[in-house]
C-alpha atoms as a PDB file:
ATOM      1  CA  MET A   1     166.297 103.487 102.740  1.00  0.00           C
ATOM      2  CA  VAL A   2     168.716 100.557 102.500  1.00  0.00           C
ATOM      3  CA  TRP A   3     169.593  98.291 105.418  1.00  0.00           C
ATOM      4  CA  ILE A   4     172.792  96.297 105.711  1.00  0.00           C
ATOM      5  CA  ILE A   5     173.603  93.635 108.267  1.00  0.00           C
ATOM      6  CA  CYS A   6     177.359  93.682 108.599  1.00  0.00           C
ATOM      7  CA  GLY A   7     180.115  91.967 110.493  1.00  0.00           C
ATOM      8  CA  PRO A   8     182.937  89.514 109.844  1.00  0.00           C
ATOM      9  CA  SER A   9     182.576  86.010 108.465  1.00  0.00           C
ATOM     10  CA  SER A  10     180.733  83.825 111.013  1.00  0.00           C
ATOM     11  CA  GLY A  11     179.685  86.946 112.895  1.00  0.00           C
ATOM     12  CA  GLY A  12     176.038  85.872 112.739  1.00  0.00           C
ATOM     13  CA  LYS A  13     174.657  87.926 109.839  1.00  0.00           C
ATOM     14  CA  SER A  14     172.453  85.229 108.290  1.00  0.00           C
ATOM     15  CA  THR A  15     171.439  83.822 111.667  1.00  0.00           C
ATOM     16  CA  TYR A  16     170.402  87.288 112.858  1.00  0.00           C
ATOM     17  CA  PHE A  17     168.415  87.932 109.676  1.00  0.00           C
ATOM     18  CA  HIS A  18     166.515  84.646 110.029  1.00  0.00           C
ATOM     19  CA  SER A  19     166.045  84.957 113.796  1.00  0.00           C
ATOM     20  CA  THR A  20     162.894  85.964 115.599  1.00  0.00           C
ATOM     21  CA  ALA A  21     164.680  88.989 117.094  1.00  0.00           C
ATOM     22  CA  LYS A  22     162.899  92.270 116.429  1.00  0.00           C
ATOM     23  CA  LYS A  23     164.794  93.972 113.645  1.00  0.00           C
ATOM     24  CA  PRO A  24     164.394  97.645 112.676  1.00  0.00           C
ATOM     25  CA  PHE A  25     163.715  96.773 109.031  1.00  0.00           C
ATOM     26  CA  ASP A  26     161.070  94.165 109.923  1.00  0.00           C
ATOM     27  CA  LYS A  27     157.672  95.520 108.905  1.00  0.00           C
ATOM     28  CA  ASN A  28     155.933  92.106 109.095  1.00  0.00           C
ATOM     29  CA  GLU A  29     156.464  91.681 105.364  1.00  0.00           C
ATOM     30  CA  PRO A  30     158.807  89.232 103.632  1.00  0.00           C
ATOM     31  CA  VAL A  31     162.241  90.733 102.994  1.00  0.00           C
ATOM     32  CA  ASP A  32     165.012  89.152 100.938  1.00  0.00           C
ATOM     33  CA  LEU A  33     168.585  88.809 102.139  1.00  0.00           C
ATOM     34  CA  ILE A  34     170.913  90.090  99.420  1.00  0.00           C
ATOM     35  CA  PHE A  35     174.477  88.824  99.096  1.00  0.00           C
ATOM     36  CA  PRO A  36     176.858  91.272  97.387  1.00  0.00           C
ATOM     37  CA  SER A  37     178.322  90.137  94.107  1.00  0.00           C
ATOM     38  CA  GLY A  38     180.251  92.083  91.547  1.00  0.00           C
ATOM     39  CA  GLY A  39     180.554  95.848  91.575  1.00  0.00           C
ATOM     40  CA  THR A  40     176.992  96.898  90.886  1.00  0.00           C
ATOM     41  CA  THR A  41     174.071  97.185  93.208  1.00  0.00           C
ATOM     42  CA  GLY A  42     171.183  98.610  91.211  1.00  0.00           C
ATOM     43  CA  PRO A  43     167.986  99.165  93.153  1.00  0.00           C
ATOM     44  CA  VAL A  44     168.121  97.313  96.449  1.00  0.00           C
ATOM     45  CA  ASP A  45     164.982  95.415  97.375  1.00  0.00           C
ATOM     46  CA  GLY A  46     165.949  93.663 100.566  1.00  0.00           C
ATOM     47  CA  VAL A  47     168.561  93.664 103.304  1.00  0.00           C
ATOM     48  CA  ILE A  48     172.220  93.434 102.348  1.00  0.00           C
ATOM     49  CA  HIS A  49     174.421  90.790 103.977  1.00  0.00           C
ATOM     50  CA  TYR A  50     177.872  92.441 104.123  1.00  0.00           C
ATOM     51  CA  ASN A  51     181.083  90.787 105.296  1.00  0.00           C
ATOM     52  CA  VAL A  52     183.343  93.592 106.517  1.00  0.00           C
ATOM     53  CA  LEU A  53     186.327  91.361 105.692  1.00  0.00           C
ATOM     54  CA  GLN A  54     185.259  90.387 102.185  1.00  0.00           C
ATOM     55  CA  ASN A  55     188.236  92.119 100.535  1.00  0.00           C
ATOM     56  CA  ILE A  56     190.839  90.790 102.975  1.00  0.00           C
ATOM     57  CA  SER A  57     193.823  89.005 101.482  1.00  0.00           C
ATOM     58  CA  VAL A  58     196.777  87.001 102.696  1.00  0.00           C
ATOM     59  CA  GLU A  59     200.058  87.783 100.972  1.00  0.00           C
ATOM     60  CA  ARG A  60     203.604  86.545 101.247  1.00  0.00           C
ATOM     61  CA  GLY A  61     206.094  89.340 101.803  1.00  0.00           C
ATOM     62  CA  GLU A  62     209.547  89.658 100.250  1.00  0.00           C
ATOM     63  CA  CYS A  63     211.141  87.876 103.212  1.00  0.00           C
ATOM     64  CA  GLY A  64     208.660  85.010 102.903  1.00  0.00           C
ATOM     65  CA  ASN A  65     206.580  86.151 105.862  1.00  0.00           C
ATOM     66  CA  VAL A  66     202.808  85.890 105.583  1.00  0.00           C
ATOM     67  CA  GLN A  67     200.757  88.998 106.221  1.00  0.00           C
ATOM     68  CA  VAL A  68     197.074  89.809 106.232  1.00  0.00           C
ATOM     69  CA  VAL A  69     196.172  92.848 104.145  1.00  0.00           C
ATOM     70  CA  LEU A  70     193.125  94.926 105.054  1.00  0.00           C
ATOM     71  CA  PRO A  71     192.492  97.129 102.013  1.00  0.00           C
ATOM     72  CA  PRO A  72     190.574 100.387 102.407  1.00  0.00           C
ATOM     73  CA  TYR A  73     186.816  99.952 102.211  1.00  0.00           C
ATOM     74  CA  GLY A  74     186.762 102.268  99.225  1.00  0.00           C
ATOM     75  CA  SER A  75     188.498  99.527  97.240  1.00  0.00           C
ATOM     76  CA  CYS A  76     185.429  97.282  97.566  1.00  0.00           C
ATOM     77  CA  GLU A  77     183.436  97.860  94.375  1.00  0.00           C
ATOM     78  CA  PHE A  78     180.142  96.799  95.928  1.00  0.00           C
ATOM     79  CA  TRP A  79     180.505  99.094  98.942  1.00  0.00           C
ATOM     80  CA  SER A  80     181.646 102.040  96.827  1.00  0.00           C
ATOM     81  CA  LYS A  81     178.721 101.631  94.427  1.00  0.00           C
ATOM     82  CA  LEU A  82     176.240 101.222  97.292  1.00  0.00           C
ATOM     83  CA  VAL A  83     177.442 104.447  98.938  1.00  0.00           C
ATOM     84  CA  GLU A  84     177.435 106.233  95.585  1.00  0.00           C
ATOM     85  CA  ASP A  85     173.849 105.109  94.895  1.00  0.00           C
ATOM     86  CA  TYR A  86     172.364 105.601  98.369  1.00  0.00           C
ATOM     87  CA  GLY A  87     174.668 107.945 100.303  1.00  0.00           C
ATOM     88  CA  THR A  88     173.277 108.593 103.758  1.00  0.00           C
ATOM     89  CA  ASP A  89     170.108 106.585 103.014  1.00  0.00           C
ATOM     90  CA  ILE A  90     171.897 103.507 104.365  1.00  0.00           C
ATOM     91  CA  ASN A  91     171.347 102.110 107.848  1.00  0.00           C
ATOM     92  CA  ALA A  92     173.696  99.484 109.225  1.00  0.00           C
ATOM     93  CA  ILE A  93     173.276  96.824 111.854  1.00  0.00           C
ATOM     94  CA  VAL A  94     176.798  95.973 112.984  1.00  0.00           C
ATOM     95  CA  LEU A  95     177.005  92.554 114.625  1.00  0.00           C
ATOM     96  CA  VAL A  96     179.705  92.171 117.259  1.00  0.00           C
ATOM     97  CA  CYS A  97     180.966  89.126 119.132  1.00  0.00           C
ATOM     98  CA  SER A  98     184.236  88.148 120.764  1.00  0.00           C
ATOM     99  CA  GLN A  99     187.239  87.012 118.800  1.00  0.00           C
ATOM    100  CA  LYS A 100     187.066  83.780 120.802  1.00  0.00           C
ATOM    101  CA  GLU A 101     183.454  83.226 119.688  1.00  0.00           C
ATOM    102  CA  LEU A 102     184.423  83.812 116.040  1.00  0.00           C
ATOM    103  CA  LEU A 103     187.124  81.135 116.384  1.00  0.00           C
ATOM    104  CA  ARG A 104     184.619  78.730 117.936  1.00  0.00           C
ATOM    105  CA  ARG A 105     182.152  79.315 115.107  1.00  0.00           C
ATOM    106  CA  VAL A 106     184.625  78.868 112.254  1.00  0.00           C
ATOM    107  CA  GLU A 107     185.846  75.630 113.813  1.00  0.00           C
ATOM    108  CA  LYS A 108     182.307  74.200 113.557  1.00  0.00           C
ATOM    109  CA  ARG A 109     181.263  75.729 110.249  1.00  0.00           C
ATOM    110  CA  THR A 110     181.242  73.573 107.124  1.00  0.00           C
ATOM    111  CA  VAL A 111     179.376  75.485 104.379  1.00  0.00           C
ATOM    112  CA  ILE A 112     179.041  79.027 103.089  1.00  0.00           C
ATOM    113  CA  GLU A 113     175.705  80.752 103.692  1.00  0.00           C
ATOM    114  CA  LEU A 114     173.188  78.108 104.555  1.00  0.00           C
ATOM    115  CA  TYR A 115     170.478  80.598 103.616  1.00  0.00           C
ATOM    116  CA  ALA A 116     171.850  81.737 100.247  1.00  0.00           C
ATOM    117  CA  ASP A 117     169.181  81.630  97.561  1.00  0.00           C
ATOM    118  CA  GLY A 118     169.514  80.004  94.179  1.00  0.00           C
ATOM    119  CA  SER A 119     171.690  77.090  95.170  1.00  0.00           C
ATOM    120  CA  SER A 120     170.839  73.609  96.316  1.00  0.00           C
ATOM    121  CA  LYS A 121     174.479  72.864  97.059  1.00  0.00           C
ATOM    122  CA  HIS A 122     176.444  75.208  99.266  1.00  0.00           C
ATOM    123  CA  PRO A 123     180.199  75.541  98.792  1.00  0.00           C
ATOM    124  CA  ALA A 124     182.492  74.396 101.591  1.00  0.00           C
ATOM    125  CA  TYR A 125     183.470  76.995 104.170  1.00  0.00           C
ATOM    126  CA  ASP A 126     187.221  77.554 104.454  1.00  0.00           C
ATOM    127  CA  SER A 127     187.504  77.171 108.234  1.00  0.00           C
ATOM    128  CA  GLU A 128     191.284  76.943 108.041  1.00  0.00           C
ATOM    129  CA  PHE A 129     191.545  80.312 106.279  1.00  0.00           C
ATOM    130  CA  TRP A 130     189.192  82.094 108.686  1.00  0.00           C
ATOM    131  CA  ASP A 131     190.832  80.492 111.713  1.00  0.00           C
ATOM    132  CA  PHE A 132     194.155  81.912 110.492  1.00  0.00           C
ATOM    133  CA  ILE A 133     192.555  85.335 109.933  1.00  0.00           C
ATOM    134  CA  TYR A 134     190.993  85.487 113.402  1.00  0.00           C
ATOM    135  CA  ARG A 135     194.224  84.359 115.065  1.00  0.00           C
ATOM    136  CA  THR A 136     196.220  86.973 113.128  1.00  0.00           C
ATOM    137  CA  VAL A 137     194.051  90.081 112.787  1.00  0.00           C
ATOM    138  CA  ASP A 138     193.210  92.492 115.582  1.00  0.00           C
ATOM    139  CA  MET A 139     189.418  92.430 115.384  1.00  0.00           C
ATOM    140  CA  LYS A 140     189.119  95.626 117.432  1.00  0.00           C
ATOM    141  CA  ARG A 141     191.100  97.342 114.685  1.00  0.00           C
ATOM    142  CA  VAL A 142     188.821  95.820 112.021  1.00  0.00           C
ATOM    143  CA  TYR A 143     185.697  97.062 113.802  1.00  0.00           C
ATOM    144  CA  ASP A 144     187.244 100.459 114.473  1.00  0.00           C
ATOM    145  CA  ARG A 145     188.086 100.850 110.775  1.00  0.00           C
ATOM    146  CA  TRP A 146     184.581  99.779 109.736  1.00  0.00           C
ATOM    147  CA  LEU A 147     182.811 102.077 112.197  1.00  0.00           C
ATOM    148  CA  ARG A 148     184.990 104.985 111.107  1.00  0.00           C
ATOM    149  CA  GLU A 149     184.068 104.193 107.466  1.00  0.00           C
ATOM    150  CA  LEU A 150     180.370 104.227 108.324  1.00  0.00           C
ATOM    151  CA  GLU A 151     180.759 107.517 110.196  1.00  0.00           C
ATOM    152  CA  ARG A 152     182.798 109.049 107.377  1.00  0.00           C
ATOM    153  CA  ARG A 153     180.069 108.119 104.900  1.00  0.00           C
ATOM    154  CA  GLY A 154     177.270 109.400 107.155  1.00  0.00           C
ATOM    155  CA  VAL A 155     175.773 105.924 107.575  1.00  0.00           C
ATOM    156  CA  ALA A 156     173.712 105.485 110.739  1.00  0.00           C
ATOM    157  CA  TYR A 157     174.484 102.254 112.568  1.00  0.00           C
ATOM    158  CA  ARG A 158     173.415 100.150 115.536  1.00  0.00           C
ATOM    159  CA  LEU A 159     175.806  97.882 117.393  1.00  0.00           C
ATOM    160  CA  ILE A 160     174.267  94.505 118.259  1.00  0.00           C
ATOM    161  CA  ASP A 161     175.781  91.755 120.422  1.00  0.00           C
ATOM    162  CA  SER A 162     175.672  88.582 118.316  1.00  0.00           C
ATOM    163  CA  SER A 163     177.434  86.404 120.911  1.00  0.00           C
ATOM    164  CA  ASN A 164     174.146  84.609 121.470  1.00  0.00           C
ATOM    165  CA  GLN A 165     170.682  84.845 120.012  1.00  0.00           C
ATOM    166  CA  SER A 166     169.388  87.473 122.439  1.00  0.00           C
ATOM    167  CA  TYR A 167     170.821  90.173 120.115  1.00  0.00           C
ATOM    168  CA  THR A 168     171.026  92.957 122.666  1.00  0.00           C
ATOM    169  CA  ASN A 169     172.008  96.514 121.784  1.00  0.00           C
ATOM    170  CA  ILE A 170     175.543  97.642 122.532  1.00  0.00           C
ATOM    171  CA  THR A 171     175.509 101.231 123.735  1.00  0.00           C
ATOM    172  CA  SER A 172     178.991 102.393 122.728  1.00  0.00           C
ATOM    173  CA  LYS A 173     182.048 101.597 120.657  1.00  0.00           C
ATOM    174  CA  ASP A 174     184.021 101.061 123.875  1.00  0.00           C
ATOM    175  CA  ASP A 175     181.496  98.432 124.974  1.00  0.00           C
ATOM    176  CA  ALA A 176     181.776  96.772 121.563  1.00  0.00           C
ATOM    177  CA  PHE A 177     185.570  96.693 121.836  1.00  0.00           C
ATOM    178  CA  ASP A 178     185.311  95.213 125.338  1.00  0.00           C
ATOM    179  CA  LEU A 179     183.029  92.489 123.955  1.00  0.00           C
ATOM    180  CA  ILE A 180     185.522  91.640 121.199  1.00  0.00           C
ATOM    181  CA  ASP A 181     188.213  91.065 123.842  1.00  0.00           C
ATOM    182  CA  SER A 182     185.951  89.108 126.200  1.00  0.00           C
ATOM    183  CA  ALA A 183     186.420  85.424 126.937  1.00  0.00           C
END
């Protein structure tokens, strides 16, 4: 069984993993947090940290207008390989918070993945880019697309409110969408 903690950038994935909240994969044994890189997964020995917007791009259209492109999840090599390797033996924890909270977090954030292993220096976080994304993209649409992808692939998931560190369960997609729109 493979666990992924997923959500958008600054959605609280690393903070949730390192929190004292009771997590379904926590068996009182050390577990590594794995950051996707490249197109291969190999055997997974840990919990995967997955940004549901990792393949997003900003492109300039023919008229000079800027648009955000949300490619299909199947175009993400890591995700495709993970699903190919593990199929329905994947469980997802989907972290949800309001669009307003995401904007607040990216405004304060300065580095990428404070908890990433193997690096003593963390690269700068592109707050300007993510601020633009969260002011442009309909996050309900992003979550809807991701949840439909999980369902299509037969991946069981839990919705968790990551607005604060109480990490309460969200009982339905509608409740998750209401949270995204909340103030």
